[in-house]
N, C-alpha and C. Protein backbone atom coordinates (compact mmCIF):
# COMPACT_ATOMS: atom_id res chain seq x y z
N UNK A 1 0.78 -1.18 -0.27
CA UNK A 1 -0.01 0.23 0.08
C UNK A 1 0.94 1.30 -0.08
N UNK A 2 0.15 1.97 -0.55
CA UNK A 2 0.92 3.34 -0.82
C UNK A 2 1.46 4.35 0.79
N UNK A 3 2.17 5.22 0.58
CA UNK A 3 2.16 5.63 2.10
C UNK A 3 1.38 7.08 2.12
N UNK A 4 0.50 7.49 2.43
CA UNK A 4 0.08 8.43 3.01
C UNK A 4 0.87 10.35 2.64
N UNK A 5 2.14 10.75 2.41
CA UNK A 5 2.07 11.35 2.04
C UNK A 5 1.80 11.10 0.41
N UNK A 6 1.88 9.77 -0.24
CA UNK A 6 1.88 9.43 -1.68
C UNK A 6 0.80 9.52 -1.97
N UNK A 7 -0.17 9.04 -1.48
CA UNK A 7 -1.68 8.95 -1.37
C UNK A 7 -2.83 10.32 -1.17
N UNK A 8 -2.35 11.11 -0.74
CA UNK A 8 -2.39 12.46 -0.60
C UNK A 8 -1.51 13.74 -1.96
N UNK A 9 -0.79 12.93 -2.72
CA UNK A 9 0.51 13.94 -3.86
C UNK A 9 -0.72 13.77 -4.89
N UNK A 10 -0.92 12.12 -4.62
CA UNK A 10 -1.94 11.67 -6.12
C UNK A 10 -3.24 12.58 -6.09
N UNK A 11 -3.67 12.62 -4.83
CA UNK A 11 -5.30 13.14 -4.66
C UNK A 11 -5.13 14.57 -4.97
N UNK A 12 -3.79 15.48 -4.47
CA UNK A 12 -3.75 16.85 -5.00
C UNK A 12 -3.70 16.40 -6.55
N UNK A 13 -2.75 16.19 -6.42
CA UNK A 13 -2.53 16.26 -8.33
C UNK A 13 -3.23 16.37 -9.28
N UNK A 14 -4.52 15.00 -8.72
CA UNK A 14 -5.42 14.48 -9.53
C UNK A 14 -6.95 15.37 -9.16
N UNK A 15 -7.22 15.91 -8.26
CA UNK A 15 -7.98 16.92 -7.55
C UNK A 15 -8.55 18.05 -7.37
N UNK A 16 -7.56 18.93 -7.75
CA UNK A 16 -6.84 20.66 -7.26
C UNK A 16 -6.01 21.39 -8.57
N UNK A 17 -7.03 21.85 -9.42
CA UNK A 17 -6.47 23.20 -9.97
C UNK A 17 -5.98 24.35 -9.39
N UNK A 18 -5.62 25.04 -9.28
CA UNK A 18 -5.37 26.74 -10.12
C UNK A 18 -4.97 27.21 -11.32
N UNK A 19 -5.86 28.31 -11.85
CA UNK A 19 -5.82 28.86 -12.33
C UNK A 19 -5.62 27.61 -13.78
N UNK A 20 -6.48 25.99 -13.58
CA UNK A 20 -6.67 25.39 -14.52
C UNK A 20 -5.62 24.59 -14.96
N UNK A 21 -4.76 24.25 -14.16
CA UNK A 21 -2.91 23.97 -13.75
C UNK A 21 -3.58 23.01 -13.01
N UNK A 22 -3.04 21.57 -13.08
CA UNK A 22 -3.34 21.09 -11.52
C UNK A 22 -2.57 21.06 -10.55
N UNK A 23 -2.92 20.72 -9.81
CA UNK A 23 -1.66 21.41 -7.77
C UNK A 23 -0.64 20.78 -7.97
N UNK A 24 0.73 21.08 -7.89
CA UNK A 24 2.06 19.58 -7.53
C UNK A 24 2.97 19.93 -5.93
N UNK A 25 2.46 19.19 -4.83
CA UNK A 25 3.06 19.92 -3.96
C UNK A 25 4.17 20.17 -4.06
N UNK A 26 4.89 20.88 -2.93
CA UNK A 26 6.58 21.25 -2.69
C UNK A 26 7.24 19.94 -2.36
N UNK A 27 7.70 19.46 -2.01
CA UNK A 27 9.01 18.54 -1.01
C UNK A 27 8.41 19.21 0.26
N UNK A 28 8.58 20.35 0.67
CA UNK A 28 8.07 21.25 2.03
C UNK A 28 6.34 20.81 2.54
N UNK A 29 6.62 19.77 3.24
CA UNK A 29 4.99 19.79 3.07
C UNK A 29 3.76 20.18 4.07
N UNK A 30 4.84 21.58 4.45
CA UNK A 30 4.23 22.17 5.33
C UNK A 30 3.50 23.36 4.73
N UNK A 31 3.85 23.65 3.55
CA UNK A 31 2.36 24.53 3.29
C UNK A 31 1.03 23.96 3.29
N UNK A 32 0.49 25.48 3.24
CA UNK A 32 -0.87 25.96 3.10
C UNK A 32 -1.59 25.00 1.56
N UNK A 33 -2.54 24.04 1.43
CA UNK A 33 -2.67 24.45 0.14
C UNK A 33 -4.01 25.23 -0.48
N UNK A 34 -4.42 26.72 0.47
CA UNK A 34 -4.43 27.56 0.99
C UNK A 34 -3.87 28.76 -0.23
N UNK A 35 -2.31 28.58 0.81
CA UNK A 35 -1.45 29.79 0.02
C UNK A 35 -1.22 29.29 -1.00
N UNK A 36 -1.43 28.01 -2.01
CA UNK A 36 -0.87 27.30 -3.49
C UNK A 36 -1.78 27.76 -3.79
N UNK A 37 -2.92 28.72 -3.67
CA UNK A 37 -3.88 29.07 -4.33
C UNK A 37 -4.61 28.23 -5.16
N UNK A 38 -5.31 27.47 -3.75
CA UNK A 38 -6.80 26.63 -4.01
C UNK A 38 -8.08 27.83 -2.87
N UNK A 39 -8.96 27.30 -3.68
CA UNK A 39 -9.82 28.26 -3.40
C UNK A 39 -10.55 27.45 -2.12
N UNK A 40 -10.70 28.14 -0.98
CA UNK A 40 -11.39 27.46 0.21
C UNK A 40 -12.82 26.65 -0.45
N UNK A 41 -13.64 26.57 -1.13
CA UNK A 41 -14.31 25.94 -0.94
C UNK A 41 -14.02 24.52 -2.10
N UNK A 42 -12.59 24.35 -2.78
CA UNK A 42 -12.05 23.24 -2.72
C UNK A 42 -11.57 23.28 -2.18
N UNK A 43 -10.66 23.26 -1.21
CA UNK A 43 -10.73 22.58 0.18
C UNK A 43 -11.81 21.44 0.99
N UNK A 44 -13.06 21.82 0.53
CA UNK A 44 -13.76 21.26 1.02
C UNK A 44 -14.79 20.04 0.39
N UNK A 45 -14.09 20.40 -0.72
CA UNK A 45 -14.73 19.27 -1.56
C UNK A 45 -13.33 18.17 -1.40
N UNK A 46 -12.16 19.06 -1.49
CA UNK A 46 -10.71 18.11 -1.22
C UNK A 46 -11.24 17.05 -0.04
N UNK A 47 -11.52 18.11 1.03
CA UNK A 47 -11.81 17.30 2.33
C UNK A 47 -12.48 16.32 2.84
N UNK A 48 -13.59 16.32 1.64
CA UNK A 48 -14.74 15.19 2.02
C UNK A 48 -13.98 13.82 1.08
N UNK A 49 -13.34 14.19 -0.51
CA UNK A 49 -12.49 12.72 -0.66
C UNK A 49 -12.03 12.08 0.41
N UNK A 50 -10.94 13.10 0.99
CA UNK A 50 -9.99 12.84 2.28
C UNK A 50 -10.42 12.28 2.63
N UNK A 51 -11.52 12.33 3.35
CA UNK A 51 -12.80 11.94 4.56
C UNK A 51 -13.14 10.44 3.65
N UNK A 52 -13.29 9.54 2.35
CA UNK A 52 -13.36 8.69 1.82
C UNK A 52 -12.49 8.20 2.25
N UNK A 53 -11.79 8.72 1.48
CA UNK A 53 -10.43 7.80 0.89
C UNK A 53 -9.94 7.18 1.72
N UNK A 54 -9.83 8.02 2.57
CA UNK A 54 -9.23 7.43 4.31
C UNK A 54 -9.77 7.02 5.40
N UNK A 55 -11.10 7.20 5.20
CA UNK A 55 -12.11 5.96 6.13
C UNK A 55 -11.93 7.22 7.89
N UNK A 56 -11.79 9.48 7.12
CA UNK A 56 -11.60 9.46 8.37
C UNK A 56 -13.02 10.37 8.24
N UNK A 57 -13.76 10.08 9.43
CA UNK A 57 -14.25 11.92 9.98
C UNK A 57 -13.29 12.97 10.53
N UNK A 58 -13.36 14.46 9.69
CA UNK A 58 -13.05 15.37 10.17
C UNK A 58 -14.45 16.57 11.04
N UNK A 59 -13.57 16.97 12.30
CA UNK A 59 -14.53 17.55 13.14
C UNK A 59 -14.46 18.70 12.92
N UNK A 60 -15.10 20.67 13.08
CA UNK A 60 -14.54 21.53 12.51
C UNK A 60 -13.25 21.83 13.47
N UNK A 61 -13.03 21.65 14.79
CA UNK A 61 -11.70 21.81 15.20
C UNK A 61 -10.90 21.08 14.41
N UNK A 62 -11.04 20.14 14.01
CA UNK A 62 -9.79 19.37 13.18
C UNK A 62 -9.43 20.31 11.94
N UNK A 63 -10.63 20.20 11.21
CA UNK A 63 -10.75 21.12 10.35
C UNK A 63 -9.12 22.59 11.06
N UNK A 64 -10.38 23.47 11.65
CA UNK A 64 -9.02 25.11 11.35
C UNK A 64 -7.83 24.40 12.49
N UNK A 65 -7.62 23.42 12.80
CA UNK A 65 -6.07 23.55 13.15
C UNK A 65 -4.94 22.66 12.12
N UNK A 66 -5.72 22.09 11.40
CA UNK A 66 -4.56 21.12 10.27
C UNK A 66 -4.59 22.89 9.10
N UNK A 67 -3.64 23.28 9.23
CA UNK A 67 -3.25 23.95 8.68
C UNK A 67 -2.48 24.41 7.46
N UNK A 68 -1.61 22.69 7.54
CA UNK A 68 -1.02 22.78 6.34
C UNK A 68 -1.33 20.71 5.94
N UNK A 69 -0.59 20.70 5.22
CA UNK A 69 -0.56 19.54 4.74
C UNK A 69 -0.25 18.92 5.36
N UNK A 70 1.54 18.51 5.97
CA UNK A 70 1.68 17.73 6.73
C UNK A 70 0.59 17.64 7.68
N UNK A 71 0.58 18.68 8.58
CA UNK A 71 -0.44 18.24 9.61
C UNK A 71 -1.69 17.59 9.37
N UNK A 72 -2.28 17.65 8.25
CA UNK A 72 -3.78 17.10 7.51
C UNK A 72 -3.02 14.64 7.39
N UNK A 73 -1.44 15.40 6.48
CA UNK A 73 -0.95 13.95 7.11
C UNK A 73 -1.09 13.01 8.24
N UNK A 74 -0.54 13.85 9.42
CA UNK A 74 0.25 13.87 10.89
C UNK A 74 -1.51 12.92 11.36
N UNK A 75 -2.15 13.29 11.21
CA UNK A 75 -4.03 13.64 11.47
C UNK A 75 -4.91 12.30 11.19
N UNK A 76 -4.60 11.85 9.83
CA UNK A 76 -4.60 10.95 9.13
C UNK A 76 -3.73 9.26 9.74
N UNK A 77 -2.89 9.21 9.33
CA UNK A 77 -1.69 8.58 9.81
C UNK A 77 -2.30 8.31 11.07
N UNK A 78 -2.33 9.03 12.40
CA UNK A 78 -2.61 9.12 13.38
C UNK A 78 -4.47 8.98 13.60
N UNK A 79 -5.20 8.45 12.50
CA UNK A 79 -6.75 8.72 12.75
C UNK A 79 -7.62 7.94 12.03
N UNK A 80 -6.93 7.38 11.07
CA UNK A 80 -6.68 6.91 9.93
C UNK A 80 -7.86 5.54 9.72
N UNK A 81 -9.58 4.95 9.84
CA UNK A 81 -9.48 3.44 9.93
C UNK A 81 -8.92 2.86 8.54
């Protein structure tokens, strides 16, 4: 099975775009998808996709605390079912 990082990278590149171009995550995963130009509406849809892919539910508190791709990965590794 692919690592969480690999799976998130694939989900991002397959599902998120900025100005019609796929988003490619930088090596530094402390980056925010909002800082990369992803809209908040697209982030909500992406969160639903991640929730389904990893069989994890996000609370409102989780969403406000997940400020970077790395924090999302850490949360998934700790909570995915």
